[in-house]
């Protein structure tokens, strides 16, 4: 094998490895539809039950200020397992005081914890 072929092989393996790594870091989503009054209790439960700590008051205010048929997004910070995590939080107010809320992150564990709390919260509401 010539040095050129070896170089091409190494380059190909490096390129393949970086593509696999990039795929592993894809953004994940957890989302649901709430009544506006459920946003704050959900966020409190998210911290208490799943260890995902967010600024609930700011997120609630951001959500409440979203107008009908408006979609808004903001970057938020969460504390999870002792680390600061950046998330994107989006709201679509498709019905009066009934927002669709979306949490986006590359950290699968954070998204799974949020999804788990969404399921638990909805179950507690009896939906």
C-alpha atoms as a PDB file:
ATOM      1  CA  UNK A   1       0.000   0.000   0.000  1.00  0.00           C
ATOM      2  CA  UNK A   2       1.482   3.306  -1.021  1.00  0.00           C
ATOM      3  CA  UNK A   3       1.673   6.291   1.296  1.00  0.00           C
ATOM      4  CA  UNK A   4      -1.013   8.036  -0.789  1.00  0.00           C
ATOM      5  CA  UNK A   5      -3.419   5.117  -0.307  1.00  0.00           C
ATOM      6  CA  UNK A   6      -2.645   5.074   3.432  1.00  0.00           C
ATOM      7  CA  UNK A   7      -3.309   8.783   3.608  1.00  0.00           C
ATOM      8  CA  UNK A   8      -6.629   8.375   1.772  1.00  0.00           C
ATOM      9  CA  UNK A   9      -7.620   5.524   4.097  1.00  0.00           C
ATOM     10  CA  UNK A  10      -6.851   7.592   7.194  1.00  0.00           C
ATOM     11  CA  UNK A  11      -8.710  10.587   5.740  1.00  0.00           C
ATOM     12  CA  UNK A  12     -11.742   8.410   4.897  1.00  0.00           C
ATOM     13  CA  UNK A  13     -11.841   6.907   8.391  1.00  0.00           C
ATOM     14  CA  UNK A  14     -11.541  10.358   9.960  1.00  0.00           C
ATOM     15  CA  UNK A  15     -14.335  11.700   7.780  1.00  0.00           C
ATOM     16  CA  UNK A  16     -16.557   8.706   8.624  1.00  0.00           C
ATOM     17  CA  UNK A  17     -15.893   9.107  12.347  1.00  0.00           C
ATOM     18  CA  UNK A  18     -16.740  12.810  12.286  1.00  0.00           C
ATOM     19  CA  UNK A  19     -20.001  12.090  10.429  1.00  0.00           C
ATOM     20  CA  UNK A  20     -20.989   9.530  13.045  1.00  0.00           C
ATOM     21  CA  UNK A  21     -20.169  11.997  15.835  1.00  0.00           C
ATOM     22  CA  UNK A  22     -22.206  14.727  14.177  1.00  0.00           C
ATOM     23  CA  UNK A  23     -25.185  12.398  13.886  1.00  0.00           C
ATOM     24  CA  UNK A  24     -24.952  11.539  17.592  1.00  0.00           C
ATOM     25  CA  UNK A  25     -25.221  15.244  18.408  1.00  0.00           C
ATOM     26  CA  UNK A  26     -28.486  15.849  16.573  1.00  0.00           C
ATOM     27  CA  UNK A  27     -31.014  18.038  18.283  1.00  0.00           C
ATOM     28  CA  UNK A  28     -33.738  16.129  20.118  1.00  0.00           C
ATOM     29  CA  UNK A  29     -37.236  17.388  20.941  1.00  0.00           C
ATOM     30  CA  UNK A  30     -39.690  17.050  23.796  1.00  0.00           C
ATOM     31  CA  UNK A  31     -43.022  18.768  23.252  1.00  0.00           C
ATOM     32  CA  UNK A  32     -46.628  18.896  24.340  1.00  0.00           C
ATOM     33  CA  UNK A  33     -49.721  21.067  24.469  1.00  0.00           C
ATOM     34  CA  UNK A  34     -50.661  22.605  27.816  1.00  0.00           C
ATOM     35  CA  UNK A  35     -53.218  24.960  29.170  1.00  0.00           C
ATOM     36  CA  UNK A  36     -51.283  28.088  30.083  1.00  0.00           C
ATOM     37  CA  UNK A  37     -52.069  27.514  33.765  1.00  0.00           C
ATOM     38  CA  UNK A  38     -50.227  24.159  33.587  1.00  0.00           C
ATOM     39  CA  UNK A  39     -46.888  25.543  32.394  1.00  0.00           C
ATOM     40  CA  UNK A  40     -45.592  26.676  35.789  1.00  0.00           C
ATOM     41  CA  UNK A  41     -46.658  23.545  37.749  1.00  0.00           C
ATOM     42  CA  UNK A  42     -45.101  21.394  35.017  1.00  0.00           C
ATOM     43  CA  UNK A  43     -41.772  23.249  35.319  1.00  0.00           C
ATOM     44  CA  UNK A  44     -41.844  22.912  39.113  1.00  0.00           C
ATOM     45  CA  UNK A  45     -42.472  19.167  38.725  1.00  0.00           C
ATOM     46  CA  UNK A  46     -39.698  18.931  36.147  1.00  0.00           C
ATOM     47  CA  UNK A  47     -37.223  20.157  38.743  1.00  0.00           C
ATOM     48  CA  UNK A  48     -38.635  18.131  41.640  1.00  0.00           C
ATOM     49  CA  UNK A  49     -39.167  14.855  39.794  1.00  0.00           C
ATOM     50  CA  UNK A  50     -36.534  14.802  37.041  1.00  0.00           C
ATOM     51  CA  UNK A  51     -33.801  17.128  38.302  1.00  0.00           C
ATOM     52  CA  UNK A  52     -34.096  19.543  35.369  1.00  0.00           C
ATOM     53  CA  UNK A  53     -33.919  23.012  36.894  1.00  0.00           C
ATOM     54  CA  UNK A  54     -35.141  25.938  34.779  1.00  0.00           C
ATOM     55  CA  UNK A  55     -36.102  29.527  35.524  1.00  0.00           C
ATOM     56  CA  UNK A  56     -39.811  28.725  35.726  1.00  0.00           C
ATOM     57  CA  UNK A  57     -40.927  32.332  36.221  1.00  0.00           C
ATOM     58  CA  UNK A  58     -39.109  33.564  33.099  1.00  0.00           C
ATOM     59  CA  UNK A  59     -40.322  30.659  30.993  1.00  0.00           C
ATOM     60  CA  UNK A  60     -43.892  31.156  32.157  1.00  0.00           C
ATOM     61  CA  UNK A  61     -43.699  34.890  31.390  1.00  0.00           C
ATOM     62  CA  UNK A  62     -42.250  34.189  27.937  1.00  0.00           C
ATOM     63  CA  UNK A  63     -45.050  31.698  27.285  1.00  0.00           C
ATOM     64  CA  UNK A  64     -47.814  33.978  28.597  1.00  0.00           C
ATOM     65  CA  UNK A  65     -46.622  36.881  26.427  1.00  0.00           C
ATOM     66  CA  UNK A  66     -47.006  34.826  23.253  1.00  0.00           C
ATOM     67  CA  UNK A  67     -49.946  36.055  21.200  1.00  0.00           C
ATOM     68  CA  UNK A  68     -52.538  33.904  19.445  1.00  0.00           C
ATOM     69  CA  UNK A  69     -51.137  32.315  16.253  1.00  0.00           C
ATOM     70  CA  UNK A  70     -47.620  33.449  17.171  1.00  0.00           C
ATOM     71  CA  UNK A  71     -44.547  31.232  17.455  1.00  0.00           C
ATOM     72  CA  UNK A  72     -41.608  32.382  19.552  1.00  0.00           C
ATOM     73  CA  UNK A  73     -38.331  30.762  20.548  1.00  0.00           C
ATOM     74  CA  UNK A  74     -35.638  31.603  23.051  1.00  0.00           C
ATOM     75  CA  UNK A  75     -32.486  30.012  24.370  1.00  0.00           C
ATOM     76  CA  UNK A  76     -32.714  28.965  28.002  1.00  0.00           C
ATOM     77  CA  UNK A  77     -30.325  27.393  30.450  1.00  0.00           C
ATOM     78  CA  UNK A  78     -31.114  24.361  32.552  1.00  0.00           C
ATOM     79  CA  UNK A  79     -29.196  22.702  35.355  1.00  0.00           C
ATOM     80  CA  UNK A  80     -29.148  18.929  34.961  1.00  0.00           C
ATOM     81  CA  UNK A  81     -26.900  16.459  36.774  1.00  0.00           C
ATOM     82  CA  UNK A  82     -24.820  19.380  38.025  1.00  0.00           C
ATOM     83  CA  UNK A  83     -24.158  20.779  34.556  1.00  0.00           C
ATOM     84  CA  UNK A  84     -25.415  23.841  32.732  1.00  0.00           C
ATOM     85  CA  UNK A  85     -27.297  22.808  29.603  1.00  0.00           C
ATOM     86  CA  UNK A  86     -28.386  25.086  26.772  1.00  0.00           C
ATOM     87  CA  UNK A  87     -31.855  24.405  25.423  1.00  0.00           C
ATOM     88  CA  UNK A  88     -34.068  26.101  22.917  1.00  0.00           C
ATOM     89  CA  UNK A  89     -37.593  26.687  24.141  1.00  0.00           C
ATOM     90  CA  UNK A  90     -40.344  27.429  21.647  1.00  0.00           C
ATOM     91  CA  UNK A  91     -43.998  28.287  22.071  1.00  0.00           C
ATOM     92  CA  UNK A  92     -46.752  28.231  19.514  1.00  0.00           C
ATOM     93  CA  UNK A  93     -50.015  29.699  20.782  1.00  0.00           C
ATOM     94  CA  UNK A  94     -52.447  27.871  18.531  1.00  0.00           C
ATOM     95  CA  UNK A  95     -55.393  28.335  20.861  1.00  0.00           C
ATOM     96  CA  UNK A  96     -56.241  30.970  23.454  1.00  0.00           C
ATOM     97  CA  UNK A  97     -54.221  30.178  26.569  1.00  0.00           C
ATOM     98  CA  UNK A  98     -53.300  26.697  25.300  1.00  0.00           C
ATOM     99  CA  UNK A  99     -49.707  26.823  24.061  1.00  0.00           C
ATOM    100  CA  UNK A 100     -47.777  24.117  22.302  1.00  0.00           C
ATOM    101  CA  UNK A 101     -44.387  24.052  24.043  1.00  0.00           C
ATOM    102  CA  UNK A 102     -41.178  22.605  22.628  1.00  0.00           C
ATOM    103  CA  UNK A 103     -37.844  21.913  24.281  1.00  0.00           C
ATOM    104  CA  UNK A 104     -34.854  21.250  22.014  1.00  0.00           C
ATOM    105  CA  UNK A 105     -31.421  20.010  23.098  1.00  0.00           C
ATOM    106  CA  UNK A 106     -28.517  17.935  21.868  1.00  0.00           C
ATOM    107  CA  UNK A 107     -28.404  16.259  25.278  1.00  0.00           C
ATOM    108  CA  UNK A 108     -30.579  13.171  24.935  1.00  0.00           C
ATOM    109  CA  UNK A 109     -30.708  12.643  28.709  1.00  0.00           C
ATOM    110  CA  UNK A 110     -32.205  16.095  29.255  1.00  0.00           C
ATOM    111  CA  UNK A 111     -34.783  15.588  26.510  1.00  0.00           C
ATOM    112  CA  UNK A 112     -35.683  12.157  27.888  1.00  0.00           C
ATOM    113  CA  UNK A 113     -36.140  13.615  31.375  1.00  0.00           C
ATOM    114  CA  UNK A 114     -38.413  16.355  30.005  1.00  0.00           C
ATOM    115  CA  UNK A 115     -40.422  13.804  27.988  1.00  0.00           C
ATOM    116  CA  UNK A 116     -40.761  11.601  31.060  1.00  0.00           C
ATOM    117  CA  UNK A 117     -42.114  14.507  33.097  1.00  0.00           C
ATOM    118  CA  UNK A 118     -44.512  15.505  30.309  1.00  0.00           C
ATOM    119  CA  UNK A 119     -45.960  11.974  30.384  1.00  0.00           C
ATOM    120  CA  UNK A 120     -46.154  11.948  34.177  1.00  0.00           C
ATOM    121  CA  UNK A 121     -47.727  15.396  34.352  1.00  0.00           C
ATOM    122  CA  UNK A 122     -50.344  14.570  31.729  1.00  0.00           C
ATOM    123  CA  UNK A 123     -51.133  11.345  33.581  1.00  0.00           C
ATOM    124  CA  UNK A 124     -51.527  13.262  36.862  1.00  0.00           C
ATOM    125  CA  UNK A 125     -54.004  15.555  35.095  1.00  0.00           C
ATOM    126  CA  UNK A 126     -55.938  12.489  33.952  1.00  0.00           C
ATOM    127  CA  UNK A 127     -55.562  13.137  30.227  1.00  0.00           C
END
